[in-house]
Structure formats: structure tokens, C-alpha cells
Amino acid sequence: MNESETFYHKIPKKLIYISFILAILVDFIPLSGSLFYWLPEFTALILMYWAINRPQNVGIGTAFILGLLIDIGIAAPLGEHALAYIFSLYLVIHNRRQIVLYNYGIQAIVVFAALMCSEIILTLIRLRFTHHFNGWTTFLAPFVGALLWPLLNKIMVSILNFYYLRR
């Protein structure tokens, strides 16, 4: 077990739950869709972060439950985000052992691919049921999510270090 794995092994589940609650609350903020189409889904980013760094506590079941909560919170068709989160998290979990070895830049490319798959699934579901295409600009969110990935990692490590220094 290397130093990084020992660091993440000591994380209490309480911190994981708090990070999910904060991400869901950020996703629930009612922003105008035409102005903020480029914002990524923070719940999906946090889900991928914990699936990479703490796979013992975060898996496909967590993705399903969080997806249902997001669907309920934003009044989307039930199961839309759950399906998208399950598929994108499967891609991350399936390649987790390689992803952990890469630097944040390469990890951002993997996160971009997972977020893009999620966005494509959401777009196809919306197109199927509402017959409305929101435009190509909705595909900017995975790019922004990939650009935010190194920053998210740094922030989460800083929060975890602060938590351990305080104890």
C-alpha cells in the first residue's frame, strides 16, 4: 500500500457523505439554462473523484442513488441521471487501476471521456422523450469539468489535510 492509498484509506465516510451533499446542493441551484450551459455536473465530478480515490465506499449503487436524487431534485425524468452516472462511473471504475497511476492531466482526459459519455446519454434520453435538442453548447460542460479536475483534486486533498491536521 503506497502513501496515497494509506491517506485515502483513513477517510471517514462522514466526509464522503458531506461532499456528496454539498455537490448535490450546488447542482440544485436554479441557474438560467441559457447562461450556465457550460457548468459541469458537480455531483458527477465528486462521484468520479471518490470512485477513483475511495472505491471501497463509492460504486455503481452510489451512482444510481445519486442519479435518482438529482432527477428528483431538478424534476428530470426519473432514472435519466441515474443511467448516465452508472455508465460513466462504470468507465471510471473499470479503468481505475490505470487512472490512479496517471497525473492529473491524463486523469482529466479520462474524466472528460466519462463526462462526455454521460452528457451524450442525457442528450439522447432528452431527445427521445421531449424531441428537443438543447444545442451543441451543452457539450461544453465536459470540457469545463475536465479543466476543473486538477483543481478539484487539489481542493479535496487540501480539505482532507486540514481535517487530519485538526484532529
Protein backbone atom coordinates (compact mmCIF):
# COMPACT_ATOMS: atom_id res chain seq x y z
CA MET A 1 0.00 0.00 0.00
CA ASN A 2 1.54 3.30 -1.05
CA GLU A 3 1.29 6.64 0.75
CA SER A 4 -1.66 7.86 -1.30
CA GLU A 5 -3.69 4.73 -0.64
CA THR A 6 -2.98 4.92 3.10
CA PHE A 7 -4.04 8.57 3.11
CA TYR A 8 -7.37 7.80 1.45
CA HIS A 9 -7.90 4.63 3.49
CA LYS A 10 -8.27 6.68 6.68
CA ILE A 11 -11.05 8.90 5.33
CA PRO A 12 -14.24 8.60 7.36
CA LYS A 13 -17.48 8.01 5.47
CA LYS A 14 -18.86 11.19 7.02
CA LEU A 15 -16.59 13.33 4.82
CA ILE A 16 -17.64 11.43 1.72
CA TYR A 17 -21.32 11.98 2.54
CA ILE A 18 -20.75 15.67 3.25
CA SER A 19 -19.00 16.14 -0.10
CA PHE A 20 -21.93 14.45 -1.91
CA ILE A 21 -24.46 16.61 -0.08
CA LEU A 22 -22.57 19.80 -0.99
CA ALA A 23 -22.24 18.71 -4.64
CA ILE A 24 -25.94 17.93 -4.86
CA LEU A 25 -26.83 21.28 -3.31
CA VAL A 26 -24.63 23.05 -5.87
CA ASP A 27 -26.35 21.14 -8.68
CA PHE A 28 -29.74 22.13 -7.27
CA ILE A 29 -29.02 25.87 -7.55
CA PRO A 30 -31.55 27.18 -10.07
CA LEU A 31 -29.44 28.85 -12.71
CA SER A 32 -30.74 30.01 -16.04
CA GLY A 33 -30.10 27.22 -18.52
CA SER A 34 -29.18 29.52 -21.37
CA LEU A 35 -26.41 31.27 -19.44
CA PHE A 36 -24.88 28.41 -17.49
CA TYR A 37 -24.96 25.56 -20.00
CA TRP A 38 -21.20 25.21 -19.67
CA LEU A 39 -21.24 24.24 -15.98
CA PRO A 40 -20.46 20.56 -15.37
CA GLU A 41 -22.46 18.40 -13.01
CA PHE A 42 -20.56 18.66 -9.76
CA THR A 43 -22.20 15.54 -8.39
CA ALA A 44 -20.73 13.55 -11.27
CA LEU A 45 -17.29 15.06 -10.66
CA ILE A 46 -17.35 14.26 -6.94
CA LEU A 47 -18.69 10.79 -7.73
CA MET A 48 -15.75 10.13 -10.05
CA TYR A 49 -13.31 11.59 -7.55
CA TRP A 50 -14.40 9.23 -4.79
CA ALA A 51 -14.69 6.27 -7.16
CA ILE A 52 -11.06 6.75 -8.13
CA ASN A 53 -9.71 7.50 -4.67
CA ARG A 54 -12.03 5.53 -2.39
CA PRO A 55 -13.67 2.72 -4.41
CA GLN A 56 -14.49 0.74 -1.26
CA ASN A 57 -17.23 3.23 -0.39
CA VAL A 58 -18.38 4.53 -3.76
CA GLY A 59 -19.64 2.30 -6.52
CA ILE A 60 -22.38 1.74 -9.05
CA GLY A 61 -25.07 1.67 -6.34
CA THR A 62 -23.97 5.07 -5.10
CA ALA A 63 -24.12 6.38 -8.66
CA PHE A 64 -27.66 5.05 -9.05
CA ILE A 65 -28.88 6.61 -5.79
CA LEU A 66 -27.21 9.97 -6.50
CA GLY A 67 -28.64 9.94 -10.03
CA LEU A 68 -32.14 9.38 -8.68
CA LEU A 69 -31.67 12.18 -6.15
CA ILE A 70 -30.55 14.56 -8.89
CA ASP A 71 -33.53 13.54 -11.06
CA ILE A 72 -35.91 14.21 -8.19
CA GLY A 73 -34.21 17.49 -7.29
CA ILE A 74 -34.24 19.02 -10.75
CA ALA A 75 -37.55 17.45 -11.83
CA ALA A 76 -35.99 15.40 -14.62
CA PRO A 77 -37.47 12.11 -15.82
CA LEU A 78 -36.73 9.54 -13.13
CA GLY A 79 -33.69 7.47 -13.98
CA GLU A 80 -32.16 9.83 -16.56
CA HIS A 81 -29.18 10.89 -14.49
CA ALA A 82 -29.01 7.51 -12.77
CA LEU A 83 -28.37 5.80 -16.11
CA ALA A 84 -25.84 8.43 -17.16
CA TYR A 85 -23.97 8.25 -13.83
CA ILE A 86 -23.92 4.45 -13.84
CA PHE A 87 -22.45 4.28 -17.32
CA SER A 88 -19.83 6.97 -16.78
CA LEU A 89 -18.84 5.57 -13.38
CA TYR A 90 -18.51 2.11 -14.89
CA LEU A 91 -15.94 3.50 -17.32
CA VAL A 92 -14.01 5.05 -14.45
CA ILE A 93 -14.20 2.02 -12.15
CA HIS A 94 -13.27 -0.38 -14.94
CA ASN A 95 -10.05 1.55 -15.58
CA ARG A 96 -9.41 2.70 -12.02
CA ARG A 97 -6.11 0.90 -11.52
CA GLN A 98 -4.59 2.65 -14.51
CA ILE A 99 -6.19 6.02 -13.75
CA VAL A 100 -4.64 6.19 -10.28
CA LEU A 101 -1.17 5.89 -11.78
CA TYR A 102 -1.59 8.88 -14.11
CA ASN A 103 -1.02 12.53 -13.34
CA TYR A 104 -3.95 14.95 -13.12
CA GLY A 105 -3.68 15.91 -16.79
CA ILE A 106 -4.21 12.37 -18.03
CA GLN A 107 -6.88 11.81 -15.39
CA ALA A 108 -8.65 14.89 -16.74
CA ILE A 109 -8.80 13.27 -20.18
CA VAL A 110 -10.41 10.16 -18.69
CA VAL A 111 -12.85 12.32 -16.72
CA PHE A 112 -13.63 14.23 -19.91
CA ALA A 113 -14.46 10.97 -21.70
CA ALA A 114 -16.69 9.82 -18.83
CA LEU A 115 -18.47 13.20 -18.60
CA MET A 116 -18.93 13.29 -22.37
CA CYS A 117 -20.49 9.81 -22.32
CA SER A 118 -22.79 10.97 -19.54
CA GLU A 119 -23.77 14.08 -21.49
CA ILE A 120 -24.41 12.06 -24.66
CA ILE A 121 -26.66 9.66 -22.74
CA LEU A 122 -28.58 12.56 -21.18
CA THR A 123 -28.96 14.23 -24.57
CA LEU A 124 -30.21 11.03 -26.21
CA ILE A 125 -32.74 10.44 -23.43
CA ARG A 126 -33.99 14.03 -23.63
CA LEU A 127 -34.15 13.83 -27.42
CA ARG A 128 -36.10 10.59 -27.24
CA PHE A 129 -38.70 11.79 -24.76
CA THR A 130 -39.01 15.52 -25.39
CA HIS A 131 -37.98 15.66 -29.07
CA HIS A 132 -35.98 18.76 -28.21
CA PHE A 133 -32.24 19.18 -28.75
CA ASN A 134 -30.70 21.78 -26.46
CA GLY A 135 -27.90 22.58 -28.88
CA TRP A 136 -24.26 21.74 -29.24
CA THR A 137 -23.29 24.09 -26.46
CA THR A 138 -24.42 21.52 -23.87
CA PHE A 139 -21.31 19.56 -24.80
CA LEU A 140 -19.09 22.30 -23.36
CA ALA A 141 -19.74 21.07 -19.80
CA PRO A 142 -17.44 18.00 -20.11
CA PHE A 143 -14.61 20.26 -21.28
CA VAL A 144 -15.06 22.54 -18.28
CA GLY A 145 -15.32 19.51 -15.99
CA ALA A 146 -12.04 18.17 -17.33
CA LEU A 147 -10.41 21.56 -16.82
CA LEU A 148 -11.71 21.66 -13.24
CA TRP A 149 -10.49 18.15 -12.44
CA PRO A 150 -6.95 19.09 -11.29
CA LEU A 151 -8.37 21.95 -9.22
CA LEU A 152 -10.94 19.63 -7.65
CA ASN A 153 -8.20 17.17 -6.70
CA LYS A 154 -6.11 19.90 -5.11
CA ILE A 155 -9.09 21.28 -3.17
CA MET A 156 -10.15 17.84 -1.92
CA VAL A 157 -6.61 16.96 -0.81
CA SER A 158 -6.35 20.32 0.98
CA ILE A 159 -9.66 19.73 2.76
CA LEU A 160 -8.58 16.24 3.79
CA ASN A 161 -5.22 17.51 5.03
CA PHE A 162 -6.98 20.22 7.02
CA TYR A 163 -9.29 17.59 8.51
CA TYR A 164 -6.37 15.42 9.61
CA LEU A 165 -4.34 18.32 10.98
CA ARG A 166 -7.31 19.43 13.03
CA ARG A 167 -7.75 16.00 14.61
